[in-house]
Amino acid sequence: MVTYGDWVSVARSERYAIRDAVVGPYTVSETLLWHGQSTRGHEHERDEVYYFISGYGRMIVGEKSIDTPWGSVVYVGPNEYHRVENIGGVQPLRFLSFFVGEPGRPEVTSDD
């Protein structure tokens, strides 16, 4: 059996645009992070995998700073603080995150 998810817009602001699709037990979240912006740093109980499609960014995971050119894949463990920054040219940083569970942002901690 093949299951398809429909994309649903979750957020659009001066910081980013986010849309989610639920496929079986998985959520795929696509983010366009505008030039010079960063996601809100946070942690949560689920693990995630990030795949960077285009642009150039940096991901903070715990105490590590990881450059994320297109094609990069980053694993974030449960309860691990993480944040993504667009440090490239003027184009958006485009990336996907994959996790098990319903969409939403059940953040334990967050910074603006």
N, C-alpha and C. Protein backbone atom coordinates (compact mmCIF):
# COMPACT_ATOMS: atom_id res chain seq x y z
N MET A 1 0.84 -1.18 0.00
CA MET A 1 0.00 0.00 0.00
C MET A 1 0.89 1.24 0.00
N VAL A 2 0.50 2.24 -0.77
CA VAL A 2 1.21 3.51 -0.82
C VAL A 2 0.31 4.57 -0.20
N THR A 3 0.88 5.35 0.71
CA THR A 3 0.12 6.43 1.37
C THR A 3 0.74 7.76 0.99
N TYR A 4 -0.09 8.71 0.65
CA TYR A 4 0.37 10.04 0.29
C TYR A 4 -0.12 11.04 1.34
N GLY A 5 0.73 12.01 1.66
CA GLY A 5 0.32 13.05 2.59
C GLY A 5 0.07 14.35 1.83
N ASP A 6 -0.88 15.12 2.30
CA ASP A 6 -1.15 16.44 1.73
C ASP A 6 -0.37 17.49 2.51
N TRP A 7 0.23 18.42 1.80
CA TRP A 7 0.97 19.50 2.46
C TRP A 7 -0.01 20.50 3.07
N VAL A 8 0.29 20.92 4.30
CA VAL A 8 -0.51 21.91 5.01
C VAL A 8 0.42 23.01 5.49
N SER A 9 0.09 24.25 5.13
CA SER A 9 0.90 25.39 5.58
C SER A 9 0.76 25.55 7.09
N VAL A 10 1.89 25.65 7.78
CA VAL A 10 1.91 25.73 9.24
C VAL A 10 2.24 27.14 9.71
N ALA A 11 3.17 27.81 9.02
CA ALA A 11 3.59 29.15 9.44
C ALA A 11 4.18 29.89 8.26
N ARG A 12 4.01 31.19 8.26
CA ARG A 12 4.66 32.06 7.28
C ARG A 12 4.89 33.40 7.97
N SER A 13 6.16 33.83 8.00
CA SER A 13 6.49 35.08 8.68
C SER A 13 7.72 35.69 8.04
N GLU A 14 8.23 36.75 8.62
CA GLU A 14 9.46 37.37 8.14
C GLU A 14 10.67 36.48 8.41
N ARG A 15 10.49 35.44 9.20
CA ARG A 15 11.56 34.50 9.56
C ARG A 15 11.61 33.31 8.61
N TYR A 16 10.42 32.71 8.32
CA TYR A 16 10.37 31.48 7.53
C TYR A 16 8.97 31.17 7.05
N ALA A 17 8.92 30.15 6.15
CA ALA A 17 7.65 29.54 5.74
C ALA A 17 7.80 28.05 6.01
N ILE A 18 6.78 27.44 6.63
CA ILE A 18 6.83 26.02 6.99
C ILE A 18 5.54 25.35 6.53
N ARG A 19 5.69 24.14 5.98
CA ARG A 19 4.53 23.32 5.66
C ARG A 19 4.84 21.88 6.05
N ASP A 20 3.81 21.15 6.45
CA ASP A 20 3.96 19.78 6.92
C ASP A 20 3.10 18.84 6.09
N ALA A 21 3.56 17.59 5.99
CA ALA A 21 2.76 16.51 5.39
C ALA A 21 2.88 15.30 6.32
N VAL A 22 1.75 14.66 6.59
CA VAL A 22 1.72 13.46 7.42
C VAL A 22 1.54 12.26 6.50
N VAL A 23 2.47 11.30 6.62
CA VAL A 23 2.43 10.09 5.80
C VAL A 23 2.60 8.91 6.76
N GLY A 24 1.52 8.17 6.99
CA GLY A 24 1.57 7.08 7.96
C GLY A 24 1.92 7.65 9.33
N PRO A 25 2.89 7.06 10.02
CA PRO A 25 3.26 7.54 11.35
C PRO A 25 4.26 8.70 11.29
N TYR A 26 4.67 9.12 10.08
CA TYR A 26 5.72 10.12 9.92
C TYR A 26 5.18 11.50 9.58
N THR A 27 5.89 12.52 10.01
CA THR A 27 5.65 13.88 9.55
C THR A 27 6.89 14.35 8.82
N VAL A 28 6.69 14.94 7.66
CA VAL A 28 7.75 15.59 6.91
C VAL A 28 7.45 17.09 6.97
N SER A 29 8.41 17.87 7.40
CA SER A 29 8.24 19.31 7.52
C SER A 29 9.24 20.00 6.60
N GLU A 30 8.73 20.86 5.70
CA GLU A 30 9.59 21.62 4.81
C GLU A 30 9.66 23.06 5.30
N THR A 31 10.88 23.58 5.39
CA THR A 31 11.07 24.96 5.83
C THR A 31 11.86 25.73 4.79
N LEU A 32 11.41 26.94 4.49
CA LEU A 32 12.17 27.93 3.74
C LEU A 32 12.56 28.99 4.76
N LEU A 33 13.84 29.05 5.09
CA LEU A 33 14.36 29.99 6.09
C LEU A 33 14.98 31.16 5.34
N TRP A 34 14.40 32.36 5.53
CA TRP A 34 14.83 33.52 4.76
C TRP A 34 16.26 33.93 5.13
N HIS A 35 16.93 34.61 4.23
CA HIS A 35 18.32 35.06 4.40
C HIS A 35 18.52 35.79 5.73
N GLY A 36 19.56 35.40 6.45
CA GLY A 36 19.92 36.06 7.71
C GLY A 36 19.05 35.69 8.90
N GLN A 37 18.12 34.78 8.72
CA GLN A 37 17.20 34.40 9.80
C GLN A 37 17.62 33.07 10.42
N SER A 38 17.02 32.76 11.57
CA SER A 38 17.24 31.47 12.21
C SER A 38 15.92 30.97 12.78
N THR A 39 15.85 29.66 12.93
CA THR A 39 14.67 29.08 13.58
C THR A 39 14.78 29.37 15.08
N ARG A 40 13.68 29.24 15.77
CA ARG A 40 13.72 29.37 17.23
C ARG A 40 14.39 28.12 17.79
N GLY A 41 15.39 28.31 18.62
CA GLY A 41 16.04 27.17 19.22
C GLY A 41 15.09 26.46 20.16
N HIS A 42 15.13 25.15 20.15
CA HIS A 42 14.21 24.39 20.99
C HIS A 42 14.71 22.96 21.18
N GLU A 43 14.03 22.23 22.03
CA GLU A 43 14.25 20.80 22.21
C GLU A 43 12.90 20.15 22.44
N HIS A 44 12.81 18.87 22.14
CA HIS A 44 11.56 18.12 22.34
C HIS A 44 11.89 16.65 22.51
N GLU A 45 10.90 15.86 22.85
CA GLU A 45 11.12 14.46 23.23
C GLU A 45 11.36 13.52 22.05
N ARG A 46 11.07 13.93 20.84
CA ARG A 46 11.26 13.04 19.68
C ARG A 46 12.60 13.33 19.01
N ASP A 47 13.10 12.35 18.25
CA ASP A 47 14.29 12.61 17.46
C ASP A 47 13.86 13.05 16.06
N GLU A 48 14.78 13.69 15.33
CA GLU A 48 14.50 14.22 14.00
C GLU A 48 15.72 14.02 13.11
N VAL A 49 15.45 13.95 11.81
CA VAL A 49 16.51 13.96 10.82
C VAL A 49 16.25 15.14 9.90
N TYR A 50 17.28 15.94 9.66
CA TYR A 50 17.21 17.11 8.78
C TYR A 50 17.96 16.82 7.49
N TYR A 51 17.37 17.22 6.36
CA TYR A 51 18.02 17.12 5.06
C TYR A 51 17.97 18.49 4.41
N PHE A 52 19.14 19.03 4.06
CA PHE A 52 19.25 20.38 3.50
C PHE A 52 19.26 20.31 1.98
N ILE A 53 18.24 20.92 1.37
CA ILE A 53 18.00 20.82 -0.07
C ILE A 53 18.75 21.88 -0.86
N SER A 54 18.73 23.12 -0.38
CA SER A 54 19.40 24.20 -1.11
C SER A 54 19.78 25.31 -0.14
N GLY A 55 20.71 26.13 -0.58
CA GLY A 55 21.21 27.22 0.25
C GLY A 55 22.38 26.75 1.11
N TYR A 56 22.77 27.61 2.05
CA TYR A 56 23.89 27.29 2.93
C TYR A 56 23.53 27.75 4.33
N GLY A 57 23.64 26.84 5.28
CA GLY A 57 23.25 27.19 6.65
C GLY A 57 24.21 26.65 7.68
N ARG A 58 23.79 26.83 8.89
CA ARG A 58 24.51 26.30 10.05
C ARG A 58 23.46 25.77 11.01
N MET A 59 23.75 24.61 11.58
CA MET A 59 22.85 24.02 12.56
C MET A 59 23.58 23.92 13.89
N ILE A 60 22.94 24.40 14.93
CA ILE A 60 23.44 24.26 16.28
C ILE A 60 22.72 23.07 16.89
N VAL A 61 23.48 22.06 17.31
CA VAL A 61 22.92 20.86 17.93
C VAL A 61 23.68 20.66 19.24
N GLY A 62 22.99 20.87 20.35
CA GLY A 62 23.67 20.83 21.63
C GLY A 62 24.73 21.91 21.66
N GLU A 63 25.98 21.53 21.88
CA GLU A 63 27.11 22.47 21.90
C GLU A 63 27.83 22.55 20.56
N LYS A 64 27.39 21.75 19.57
CA LYS A 64 28.07 21.68 18.27
C LYS A 64 27.49 22.67 17.28
N SER A 65 28.36 23.24 16.45
CA SER A 65 27.96 24.09 15.33
C SER A 65 28.35 23.34 14.06
N ILE A 66 27.37 23.06 13.19
CA ILE A 66 27.58 22.23 12.02
C ILE A 66 27.20 23.02 10.77
N ASP A 67 28.15 23.23 9.85
CA ASP A 67 27.82 23.86 8.57
C ASP A 67 26.95 22.91 7.77
N THR A 68 25.94 23.46 7.10
CA THR A 68 24.97 22.62 6.39
C THR A 68 24.77 23.12 4.95
N PRO A 69 25.75 22.86 4.06
CA PRO A 69 25.51 23.13 2.65
C PRO A 69 24.46 22.15 2.11
N TRP A 70 23.95 22.43 0.90
CA TRP A 70 22.93 21.53 0.35
C TRP A 70 23.49 20.10 0.29
N GLY A 71 22.61 19.15 0.56
CA GLY A 71 22.99 17.75 0.60
C GLY A 71 23.34 17.24 1.98
N SER A 72 23.47 18.14 2.96
CA SER A 72 23.81 17.73 4.33
C SER A 72 22.64 17.03 4.99
N VAL A 73 22.96 16.04 5.84
CA VAL A 73 21.97 15.33 6.63
C VAL A 73 22.44 15.40 8.08
N VAL A 74 21.53 15.80 8.99
CA VAL A 74 21.88 15.95 10.40
C VAL A 74 20.85 15.23 11.26
N TYR A 75 21.33 14.43 12.19
CA TYR A 75 20.46 13.75 13.16
C TYR A 75 20.42 14.56 14.45
N VAL A 76 19.22 14.73 15.02
CA VAL A 76 19.03 15.40 16.31
C VAL A 76 18.33 14.41 17.23
N GLY A 77 18.97 14.07 18.34
CA GLY A 77 18.41 13.12 19.28
C GLY A 77 17.33 13.72 20.16
N PRO A 78 16.58 12.89 20.87
CA PRO A 78 15.54 13.37 21.77
C PRO A 78 16.13 14.31 22.83
N ASN A 79 15.39 15.35 23.15
CA ASN A 79 15.75 16.33 24.19
C ASN A 79 17.07 17.04 23.91
N GLU A 80 17.47 17.09 22.64
CA GLU A 80 18.71 17.77 22.28
C GLU A 80 18.36 19.15 21.69
N TYR A 81 18.91 20.20 22.28
CA TYR A 81 18.67 21.56 21.80
C TYR A 81 19.17 21.69 20.36
N HIS A 82 18.38 22.37 19.49
CA HIS A 82 18.81 22.59 18.12
C HIS A 82 18.17 23.85 17.54
N ARG A 83 18.91 24.42 16.57
CA ARG A 83 18.49 25.64 15.89
C ARG A 83 19.18 25.65 14.52
N VAL A 84 18.50 26.20 13.50
CA VAL A 84 19.05 26.31 12.16
C VAL A 84 19.19 27.79 11.80
N GLU A 85 20.32 28.15 11.17
CA GLU A 85 20.58 29.53 10.76
C GLU A 85 20.87 29.56 9.26
N ASN A 86 20.34 30.56 8.56
CA ASN A 86 20.67 30.77 7.15
C ASN A 86 21.84 31.74 7.09
N ILE A 87 23.03 31.23 6.77
CA ILE A 87 24.23 32.07 6.73
C ILE A 87 24.76 32.21 5.31
N GLY A 88 23.98 31.76 4.32
CA GLY A 88 24.42 31.79 2.93
C GLY A 88 24.09 33.11 2.25
N GLY A 89 23.99 33.03 0.93
CA GLY A 89 23.67 34.21 0.12
C GLY A 89 22.25 34.68 0.37
N VAL A 90 21.70 35.38 -0.59
CA VAL A 90 20.39 36.00 -0.40
C VAL A 90 19.22 35.03 -0.56
N GLN A 91 19.48 33.83 -1.09
CA GLN A 91 18.38 32.88 -1.29
C GLN A 91 17.99 32.23 0.04
N PRO A 92 16.77 31.72 0.10
CA PRO A 92 16.34 31.00 1.30
C PRO A 92 17.14 29.71 1.48
N LEU A 93 17.26 29.28 2.72
CA LEU A 93 17.79 27.96 3.05
C LEU A 93 16.58 27.03 3.08
N ARG A 94 16.60 25.99 2.27
CA ARG A 94 15.46 25.06 2.17
C ARG A 94 15.86 23.72 2.74
N PHE A 95 15.07 23.23 3.70
CA PHE A 95 15.39 21.94 4.30
C PHE A 95 14.13 21.20 4.71
N LEU A 96 14.28 19.88 4.85
CA LEU A 96 13.22 19.01 5.32
C LEU A 96 13.62 18.46 6.68
N SER A 97 12.64 18.26 7.55
CA SER A 97 12.88 17.48 8.76
C SER A 97 11.86 16.36 8.79
N PHE A 98 12.31 15.21 9.29
CA PHE A 98 11.49 14.00 9.33
C PHE A 98 11.41 13.54 10.78
N PHE A 99 10.21 13.21 11.23
CA PHE A 99 10.04 12.70 12.59
C PHE A 99 8.79 11.85 12.68
N VAL A 100 8.74 11.01 13.69
CA VAL A 100 7.57 10.18 13.94
C VAL A 100 6.63 10.97 14.83
N GLY A 101 5.36 11.00 14.47
CA GLY A 101 4.37 11.69 15.28
C GLY A 101 3.64 12.75 14.48
N GLU A 102 2.66 13.30 15.13
CA GLU A 102 1.82 14.32 14.52
C GLU A 102 2.61 15.62 14.36
N PRO A 103 2.24 16.43 13.36
CA PRO A 103 2.90 17.71 13.20
C PRO A 103 2.59 18.62 14.38
N GLY A 104 3.35 19.66 14.47
CA GLY A 104 3.20 20.60 15.57
C GLY A 104 4.54 20.82 16.20
N ARG A 105 4.59 21.70 17.10
CA ARG A 105 5.85 22.07 17.74
C ARG A 105 5.74 21.92 19.25
N PRO A 106 5.73 20.66 19.76
CA PRO A 106 5.59 20.45 21.21
C PRO A 106 6.91 20.73 21.92
N GLU A 107 7.33 21.99 21.91
CA GLU A 107 8.64 22.35 22.41
C GLU A 107 8.71 22.32 23.92
N VAL A 108 9.80 21.81 24.43
CA VAL A 108 10.05 21.80 25.86
C VAL A 108 10.62 23.14 26.27
N THR A 109 11.60 23.64 25.53
CA THR A 109 12.14 24.97 25.75
C THR A 109 12.26 25.66 24.41
N SER A 110 12.25 26.97 24.40
CA SER A 110 12.35 27.72 23.17
C SER A 110 12.97 29.07 23.47
N ASP A 111 13.76 29.56 22.50
CA ASP A 111 14.25 30.92 22.62
C ASP A 111 13.85 31.70 21.41
N ASP A 112 13.66 32.98 21.56
CA ASP A 112 13.29 33.84 20.42
C ASP A 112 14.55 34.47 19.95
